[in-house]
PDB file of N, CA and C in Angstrom:
ATOM      1  N   MET A   1       2.117 -20.658  -2.957  1.00  0.00           N
ATOM      2  CA  MET A   1       1.499 -20.123  -1.914  1.00  0.00           C
ATOM      3  C   MET A   1       2.373 -19.324  -1.000  1.00  0.00           C
ATOM      4  N   SER A   2       2.136 -18.142  -0.882  1.00  0.00           N
ATOM      5  CA  SER A   2       3.052 -17.157   0.087  1.00  0.00           C
ATOM      6  C   SER A   2       2.919 -17.729   1.726  1.00  0.00           C
ATOM      7  N   ASP A   3       3.978 -17.261   2.318  1.00  0.00           N
ATOM      8  CA  ASP A   3       4.103 -17.628   3.530  1.00  0.00           C
ATOM      9  C   ASP A   3       2.926 -17.000   4.541  1.00  0.00           C
ATOM     10  N   LEU A   4       2.530 -15.894   4.005  1.00  0.00           N
ATOM     11  CA  LEU A   4       1.109 -15.135   4.581  1.00  0.00           C
ATOM     12  C   LEU A   4      -0.136 -15.762   4.247  1.00  0.00           C
ATOM     13  N   GLU A   5      -0.110 -16.301   3.012  1.00  0.00           N
ATOM     14  CA  GLU A   5      -1.338 -17.005   2.424  1.00  0.00           C
ATOM     15  C   GLU A   5      -1.382 -18.282   3.464  1.00  0.00           C
ATOM     16  N   ALA A   6      -0.309 -18.907   3.639  1.00  0.00           N
ATOM     17  CA  ALA A   6      -0.246 -20.308   4.386  1.00  0.00           C
ATOM     18  C   ALA A   6      -0.653 -20.099   5.886  1.00  0.00           C
ATOM     19  N   ARG A   7      -0.279 -19.132   6.479  1.00  0.00           N
ATOM     20  CA  ARG A   7      -0.333 -18.546   7.796  1.00  0.00           C
ATOM     21  C   ARG A   7      -1.856 -18.256   7.922  1.00  0.00           C
ATOM     22  N   LEU A   8      -2.534 -17.391   7.175  1.00  0.00           N
ATOM     23  CA  LEU A   8      -4.031 -17.098   7.002  1.00  0.00           C
ATOM     24  C   LEU A   8      -4.640 -18.334   7.119  1.00  0.00           C
ATOM     25  N   LEU A   9      -4.393 -19.003   6.100  1.00  0.00           N
ATOM     26  CA  LEU A   9      -5.333 -20.251   5.670  1.00  0.00           C
ATOM     27  C   LEU A   9      -5.193 -21.312   7.026  1.00  0.00           C
ATOM     28  N   ARG A  10      -4.234 -21.499   7.615  1.00  0.00           N
ATOM     29  CA  ARG A  10      -4.002 -22.052   8.888  1.00  0.00           C
ATOM     30  C   ARG A  10      -4.968 -21.747  10.047  1.00  0.00           C
ATOM     31  N   TYR A  11      -4.583 -20.135  10.204  1.00  0.00           N
ATOM     32  CA  TYR A  11      -5.458 -19.327  11.107  1.00  0.00           C
ATOM     33  C   TYR A  11      -7.050 -19.528  10.825  1.00  0.00           C
ATOM     34  N   VAL A  12      -7.327 -19.199   9.843  1.00  0.00           N
ATOM     35  CA  VAL A  12      -8.948 -19.221   9.460  1.00  0.00           C
ATOM     36  C   VAL A  12      -9.478 -20.785   9.860  1.00  0.00           C
ATOM     37  N   ASN A  13      -8.763 -21.799   9.213  1.00  0.00           N
ATOM     38  CA  ASN A  13      -9.202 -23.119   9.593  1.00  0.00           C
ATOM     39  C   ASN A  13      -9.140 -23.572  11.017  1.00  0.00           C
ATOM     40  N   GLU A  14      -8.062 -23.218  11.701  1.00  0.00           N
ATOM     41  CA  GLU A  14      -8.078 -23.744  13.046  1.00  0.00           C
ATOM     42  C   GLU A  14      -8.611 -22.711  14.047  1.00  0.00           C
ATOM     43  N   HIS A  15      -8.946 -21.411  13.779  1.00  0.00           N
ATOM     44  CA  HIS A  15      -9.392 -20.504  14.951  1.00  0.00           C
ATOM     45  C   HIS A  15     -10.731 -19.963  14.726  1.00  0.00           C
ATOM     46  N   LEU A  16     -10.986 -19.789  13.124  1.00  0.00           N
ATOM     47  CA  LEU A  16     -12.450 -19.114  12.850  1.00  0.00           C
ATOM     48  C   LEU A  16     -13.458 -20.031  12.564  1.00  0.00           C
ATOM     49  N   LEU A  17     -13.158 -20.963  11.951  1.00  0.00           N
ATOM     50  CA  LEU A  17     -14.347 -21.963  11.557  1.00  0.00           C
ATOM     51  C   LEU A  17     -14.969 -22.544  12.711  1.00  0.00           C
ATOM     52  N   PRO A  18     -16.274 -22.832  12.784  1.00  0.00           N
ATOM     53  CA  PRO A  18     -16.898 -23.728  13.742  1.00  0.00           C
ATOM     54  C   PRO A  18     -16.496 -25.054  13.925  1.00  0.00           C
ATOM     55  N   GLU A  19     -16.213 -25.681  14.853  1.00  0.00           N
ATOM     56  CA  GLU A  19     -15.875 -27.063  15.039  1.00  0.00           C
ATOM     57  C   GLU A  19     -16.336 -27.972  14.051  1.00  0.00           C
ATOM     58  N   GLY A  20     -15.844 -28.740  13.386  1.00  0.00           N
ATOM     59  CA  GLY A  20     -16.368 -29.666  12.334  1.00  0.00           C
ATOM     60  C   GLY A  20     -16.556 -29.031  11.041  1.00  0.00           C
ATOM     61  N   ALA A  21     -16.492 -27.944  10.720  1.00  0.00           N
ATOM     62  CA  ALA A  21     -16.667 -27.241   9.449  1.00  0.00           C
ATOM     63  C   ALA A  21     -15.769 -27.687   8.534  1.00  0.00           C
ATOM     64  N   THR A  22     -16.135 -27.747   7.102  1.00  0.00           N
ATOM     65  CA  THR A  22     -15.143 -28.178   6.138  1.00  0.00           C
ATOM     66  C   THR A  22     -14.164 -27.040   6.062  1.00  0.00           C
ATOM     67  N   PRO A  23     -12.951 -27.418   6.085  1.00  0.00           N
ATOM     68  CA  PRO A  23     -11.857 -26.553   5.738  1.00  0.00           C
ATOM     69  C   PRO A  23     -11.861 -25.624   4.656  1.00  0.00           C
ATOM     70  N   VAL A  24     -11.369 -24.546   4.487  1.00  0.00           N
ATOM     71  CA  VAL A  24     -11.398 -23.641   3.543  1.00  0.00           C
ATOM     72  C   VAL A  24     -10.278 -23.878   2.653  1.00  0.00           C
ATOM     73  N   GLU A  25     -10.399 -23.367   1.495  1.00  0.00           N
ATOM     74  CA  GLU A  25      -9.051 -23.399   0.544  1.00  0.00           C
ATOM     75  C   GLU A  25      -8.720 -21.969   0.357  1.00  0.00           C
ATOM     76  N   PRO A  26      -7.600 -21.627  -0.432  1.00  0.00           N
ATOM     77  CA  PRO A  26      -7.177 -20.346  -0.346  1.00  0.00           C
ATOM     78  C   PRO A  26      -8.210 -19.534  -1.383  1.00  0.00           C
ATOM     79  N   THR A  27      -9.003 -19.939  -2.236  1.00  0.00           N
ATOM     80  CA  THR A  27      -9.922 -19.150  -2.878  1.00  0.00           C
ATOM     81  C   THR A  27     -11.434 -19.297  -2.463  1.00  0.00           C
ATOM     82  N   THR A  28     -11.650 -20.014  -1.430  1.00  0.00           N
ATOM     83  CA  THR A  28     -12.817 -20.009  -0.761  1.00  0.00           C
ATOM     84  C   THR A  28     -13.583 -18.802  -0.747  1.00  0.00           C
ATOM     85  N   LEU A  29     -14.609 -18.535  -1.004  1.00  0.00           N
ATOM     86  CA  LEU A  29     -15.067 -17.386  -0.602  1.00  0.00           C
ATOM     87  C   LEU A  29     -15.765 -17.289   0.862  1.00  0.00           C
ATOM     88  N   LEU A  30     -15.009 -16.411   1.681  1.00  0.00           N
ATOM     89  CA  LEU A  30     -15.365 -16.226   3.209  1.00  0.00           C
ATOM     90  C   LEU A  30     -16.668 -15.817   3.637  1.00  0.00           C
ATOM     91  N   PHE A  31     -17.112 -14.687   2.936  1.00  0.00           N
ATOM     92  CA  PHE A  31     -18.232 -14.182   3.423  1.00  0.00           C
ATOM     93  C   PHE A  31     -19.349 -14.831   2.554  1.00  0.00           C
ATOM     94  N   ALA A  32     -19.233 -14.794   1.040  1.00  0.00           N
ATOM     95  CA  ALA A  32     -20.469 -15.302   0.110  1.00  0.00           C
ATOM     96  C   ALA A  32     -20.776 -16.598   0.608  1.00  0.00           C
ATOM     97  N   GLU A  33     -19.921 -17.384   1.051  1.00  0.00           N
ATOM     98  CA  GLU A  33     -20.190 -18.803   1.311  1.00  0.00           C
ATOM     99  C   GLU A  33     -20.562 -18.859   2.741  1.00  0.00           C
ATOM    100  N   GLY A  34     -20.577 -18.048   3.607  1.00  0.00           N
ATOM    101  CA  GLY A  34     -21.042 -17.879   5.047  1.00  0.00           C
ATOM    102  C   GLY A  34     -20.054 -18.649   5.913  1.00  0.00           C
ATOM    103  N   ARG A  35     -18.690 -18.513   5.571  1.00  0.00           N
ATOM    104  CA  ARG A  35     -17.826 -19.125   6.666  1.00  0.00           C
ATOM    105  C   ARG A  35     -17.162 -18.227   7.642  1.00  0.00           C
ATOM    106  N   ILE A  36     -17.287 -16.790   7.236  1.00  0.00           N
ATOM    107  CA  ILE A  36     -16.728 -15.971   8.379  1.00  0.00           C
ATOM    108  C   ILE A  36     -17.963 -14.805   8.562  1.00  0.00           C
ATOM    109  N   ASN A  37     -18.417 -14.549   9.718  1.00  0.00           N
ATOM    110  CA  ASN A  37     -19.257 -13.501  10.192  1.00  0.00           C
ATOM    111  C   ASN A  37     -18.718 -12.224  10.640  1.00  0.00           C
ATOM    112  N   SER A  38     -19.212 -11.236  10.714  1.00  0.00           N
ATOM    113  CA  SER A  38     -18.702  -9.814  10.903  1.00  0.00           C
ATOM    114  C   SER A  38     -17.682 -10.020  12.233  1.00  0.00           C
ATOM    115  N   LEU A  39     -18.191 -10.681  13.557  1.00  0.00           N
ATOM    116  CA  LEU A  39     -17.221 -10.751  14.467  1.00  0.00           C
ATOM    117  C   LEU A  39     -16.202 -11.512  14.182  1.00  0.00           C
ATOM    118  N   ARG A  40     -16.103 -12.592  13.667  1.00  0.00           N
ATOM    119  CA  ARG A  40     -14.885 -13.238  13.133  1.00  0.00           C
ATOM    120  C   ARG A  40     -13.903 -12.316  12.400  1.00  0.00           C
ATOM    121  N   LEU A  41     -14.589 -11.574  11.357  1.00  0.00           N
ATOM    122  CA  LEU A  41     -13.887 -10.606  10.422  1.00  0.00           C
ATOM    123  C   LEU A  41     -12.948  -9.778  11.588  1.00  0.00           C
ATOM    124  N   LEU A  42     -13.235  -9.341  12.480  1.00  0.00           N
ATOM    125  CA  LEU A  42     -12.563  -8.554  13.615  1.00  0.00           C
ATOM    126  C   LEU A  42     -11.429  -9.501  14.076  1.00  0.00           C
ATOM    127  N   ASN A  43     -11.586 -10.745  14.368  1.00  0.00           N
ATOM    128  CA  ASN A  43     -10.320 -11.547  14.851  1.00  0.00           C
ATOM    129  C   ASN A  43      -9.545 -11.769  13.597  1.00  0.00           C
ATOM    130  N   LEU A  44      -9.887 -11.751  12.331  1.00  0.00           N
ATOM    131  CA  LEU A  44      -9.284 -11.955  11.136  1.00  0.00           C
ATOM    132  C   LEU A  44      -8.402 -10.745  10.902  1.00  0.00           C
ATOM    133  N   LEU A  45      -9.111  -9.602  11.076  1.00  0.00           N
ATOM    134  CA  LEU A  45      -8.430  -8.523  10.727  1.00  0.00           C
ATOM    135  C   LEU A  45      -7.071  -8.146  11.670  1.00  0.00           C
ATOM    136  N   ALA A  46      -7.571  -8.451  12.805  1.00  0.00           N
ATOM    137  CA  ALA A  46      -6.194  -8.415  14.019  1.00  0.00           C
ATOM    138  C   ALA A  46      -5.206  -9.426  13.765  1.00  0.00           C
ATOM    139  N   PHE A  47      -5.572 -10.383  13.124  1.00  0.00           N
ATOM    140  CA  PHE A  47      -4.500 -11.413  12.711  1.00  0.00           C
ATOM    141  C   PHE A  47      -3.731 -11.044  11.652  1.00  0.00           C
ATOM    142  N   VAL A  48      -4.234 -10.433  10.742  1.00  0.00           N
ATOM    143  CA  VAL A  48      -3.646  -9.827   9.480  1.00  0.00           C
ATOM    144  C   VAL A  48      -2.880  -8.632   9.894  1.00  0.00           C
ATOM    145  N   GLU A  49      -3.446  -7.849  10.727  1.00  0.00           N
ATOM    146  CA  GLU A  49      -2.397  -6.828  11.176  1.00  0.00           C
ATOM    147  C   GLU A  49      -1.115  -7.263  12.030  1.00  0.00           C
ATOM    148  N   ARG A  50      -1.502  -8.267  12.664  1.00  0.00           N
ATOM    149  CA  ARG A  50      -0.109  -8.763  13.491  1.00  0.00           C
ATOM    150  C   ARG A  50       0.840  -9.167  12.523  1.00  0.00           C
ATOM    151  N   SER A  51       0.431  -9.854  11.553  1.00  0.00           N
ATOM    152  CA  SER A  51       1.113 -10.890  10.458  1.00  0.00           C
ATOM    153  C   SER A  51       1.787  -9.827   9.816  1.00  0.00           C
ATOM    154  N   ILE A  52       1.193  -8.607   9.268  1.00  0.00           N
ATOM    155  CA  ILE A  52       1.891  -7.719   8.517  1.00  0.00           C
ATOM    156  C   ILE A  52       2.632  -6.822   9.113  1.00  0.00           C
ATOM    157  N   GLY A  53       2.488  -6.600  10.584  1.00  0.00           N
ATOM    158  CA  GLY A  53       3.263  -5.713  11.178  1.00  0.00           C
ATOM    159  C   GLY A  53       2.694  -4.228  11.011  1.00  0.00           C
ATOM    160  N   ARG A  54       1.562  -3.999  10.550  1.00  0.00           N
ATOM    161  CA  ARG A  54       0.989  -2.576  10.777  1.00  0.00           C
ATOM    162  C   ARG A  54      -0.437  -2.600  10.597  1.00  0.00           C
ATOM    163  N   GLU A  55      -1.076  -1.692  11.097  1.00  0.00           N
ATOM    164  CA  GLU A  55      -2.374  -1.244  11.117  1.00  0.00           C
ATOM    165  C   GLU A  55      -2.982  -1.190   9.693  1.00  0.00           C
ATOM    166  N   ILE A  56      -4.163  -1.664   9.437  1.00  0.00           N
ATOM    167  CA  ILE A  56      -4.861  -1.575   8.118  1.00  0.00           C
ATOM    168  C   ILE A  56      -5.589  -0.312   8.051  1.00  0.00           C
ATOM    169  N   PRO A  57      -5.623   0.695   7.458  1.00  0.00           N
ATOM    170  CA  PRO A  57      -6.468   1.797   7.217  1.00  0.00           C
ATOM    171  C   PRO A  57      -7.807   1.300   7.081  1.00  0.00           C
ATOM    172  N   GLU A  58      -8.761   1.992   7.659  1.00  0.00           N
ATOM    173  CA  GLU A  58     -10.245   1.736   7.350  1.00  0.00           C
ATOM    174  C   GLU A  58     -10.619   1.715   5.740  1.00  0.00           C
ATOM    175  N   ASP A  59     -10.049   2.567   5.108  1.00  0.00           N
ATOM    176  CA  ASP A  59     -10.241   2.769   3.784  1.00  0.00           C
ATOM    177  C   ASP A  59      -9.863   1.447   2.980  1.00  0.00           C
ATOM    178  N   GLU A  60      -8.752   0.680   3.277  1.00  0.00           N
ATOM    179  CA  GLU A  60      -8.443  -0.548   2.740  1.00  0.00           C
ATOM    180  C   GLU A  60      -9.229  -1.833   3.293  1.00  0.00           C
ATOM    181  N   ILE A  61     -10.191  -1.576   4.257  1.00  0.00           N
ATOM    182  CA  ILE A  61     -10.940  -2.760   4.643  1.00  0.00           C
ATOM    183  C   ILE A  61     -12.177  -2.779   4.061  1.00  0.00           C
ATOM    184  N   VAL A  62     -12.145  -3.421   2.906  1.00  0.00           N
ATOM    185  CA  VAL A  62     -13.219  -3.621   1.788  1.00  0.00           C
ATOM    186  C   VAL A  62     -13.559  -5.079   1.521  1.00  0.00           C
ATOM    187  N   MET A  63     -14.525  -5.457   1.207  1.00  0.00           N
ATOM    188  CA  MET A  63     -14.860  -6.638   0.945  1.00  0.00           C
ATOM    189  C   MET A  63     -14.178  -7.726  -0.135  1.00  0.00           C
ATOM    190  N   ASP A  64     -13.761  -6.716  -1.115  1.00  0.00           N
ATOM    191  CA  ASP A  64     -12.883  -7.452  -2.367  1.00  0.00           C
ATOM    192  C   ASP A  64     -11.625  -7.937  -1.764  1.00  0.00           C
ATOM    193  N   ARG A  65     -11.030  -7.038  -0.918  1.00  0.00           N
ATOM    194  CA  ARG A  65      -9.484  -7.399  -0.161  1.00  0.00           C
ATOM    195  C   ARG A  65      -9.582  -8.650   0.896  1.00  0.00           C
ATOM    196  N   PHE A  66     -11.037  -8.883   1.383  1.00  0.00           N
ATOM    197  CA  PHE A  66     -11.145  -9.901   2.294  1.00  0.00           C
ATOM    198  C   PHE A  66     -12.053 -10.964   1.955  1.00  0.00           C
ATOM    199  N   ALA A  67     -12.397 -11.138   0.602  1.00  0.00           N
ATOM    200  CA  ALA A  67     -13.313 -12.214  -0.081  1.00  0.00           C
ATOM    201  C   ALA A  67     -12.656 -13.546   0.325  1.00  0.00           C
ATOM    202  N   SER A  68     -11.334 -13.838   0.286  1.00  0.00           N
ATOM    203  CA  SER A  68     -11.024 -14.935   0.434  1.00  0.00           C
ATOM    204  C   SER A  68      -9.294 -14.996   0.875  1.00  0.00           C
ATOM    205  N   VAL A  69      -8.905 -16.059   1.482  1.00  0.00           N
ATOM    206  CA  VAL A  69      -7.532 -15.970   2.018  1.00  0.00           C
ATOM    207  C   VAL A  69      -6.407 -15.579   0.927  1.00  0.00           C
ATOM    208  N   ARG A  70      -6.725 -15.937  -0.338  1.00  0.00           N
ATOM    209  CA  ARG A  70      -5.721 -15.516  -1.236  1.00  0.00           C
ATOM    210  C   ARG A  70      -5.904 -14.018  -1.339  1.00  0.00           C
ATOM    211  N   ALA A  71      -7.085 -13.627  -1.533  1.00  0.00           N
ATOM    212  CA  ALA A  71      -7.159 -12.105  -1.841  1.00  0.00           C
ATOM    213  C   ALA A  71      -6.696 -11.225  -0.741  1.00  0.00           C
ATOM    214  N   ILE A  72      -6.777 -11.849   0.656  1.00  0.00           N
ATOM    215  CA  ILE A  72      -6.045 -11.059   1.633  1.00  0.00           C
ATOM    216  C   ILE A  72      -4.716 -11.069   1.617  1.00  0.00           C
ATOM    217  N   ALA A  73      -4.047 -12.282   1.375  1.00  0.00           N
ATOM    218  CA  ALA A  73      -2.466 -12.330   0.940  1.00  0.00           C
ATOM    219  C   ALA A  73      -2.181 -11.468  -0.035  1.00  0.00           C
ATOM    220  N   GLU A  74      -2.801 -11.485  -1.078  1.00  0.00           N
ATOM    221  CA  GLU A  74      -2.389 -10.623  -2.260  1.00  0.00           C
ATOM    222  C   GLU A  74      -2.543  -9.116  -2.085  1.00  0.00           C
ATOM    223  N   SER A  75      -3.612  -8.754  -1.276  1.00  0.00           N
ATOM    224  CA  SER A  75      -3.800  -7.452  -0.762  1.00  0.00           C
ATOM    225  C   SER A  75      -2.609  -6.871   0.192  1.00  0.00           C
ATOM    226  N   PHE A  76      -2.297  -7.627   1.015  1.00  0.00           N
ATOM    227  CA  PHE A  76      -1.662  -6.950   2.056  1.00  0.00           C
ATOM    228  C   PHE A  76       0.018  -7.655   2.406  1.00  0.00           C
ATOM    229  N   GLY A  77       0.063  -8.589   1.460  1.00  0.00           N
ATOM    230  CA  GLY A  77       1.275  -9.419   1.347  1.00  0.00           C
ATOM    231  C   GLY A  77       2.573  -8.641   0.895  1.00  0.00           C
ATOM    232  N   ASP A  78       3.761  -9.064   1.080  1.00  0.00           N
ATOM    233  CA  ASP A  78       5.027  -8.524   0.572  1.00  0.00           C
ATOM    234  C   ASP A  78       4.534  -7.778  -0.788  1.00  0.00           C
ATOM    235  N   GLY A  79       5.122  -6.611  -0.797  1.00  0.00           N
ATOM    236  CA  GLY A  79       4.944  -5.898  -2.125  1.00  0.00           C
ATOM    237  C   GLY A  79       3.468  -5.390  -2.580  1.00  0.00           C
ATOM    238  N   ALA A  80       2.738  -5.782  -1.503  1.00  0.00           N
ATOM    239  CA  ALA A  80       1.288  -5.108  -1.771  1.00  0.00           C
ATOM    240  C   ALA A  80       1.486  -3.664  -1.200  1.00  0.00           C
TER     241      ALA A  80
END
C-alpha cells in the first residue's frame, strides 16, 4: 500500500463516511456501493489535491479514477 493510498483510506474512513458505517477497504467501490455522494466527492477531491500538491484538471476528474481509494492513489500518486 502506498503512502497516498494509506492517507486516502484513513481520510475516507475517518471523515467522509457516516458515523457507524462499515469502513472501506482500498478496493471498495466508493460510488457504486453508495459510500460517497457528490458532496463528499468535493471534499475528497480537495483532500487529494492537497495531498499531491497540485490541482487536478477537470478532464482528469472522471469516475474511473475515483472508483476506489486504490484507483485514486494509482491515478494521482507518485509516477502517475
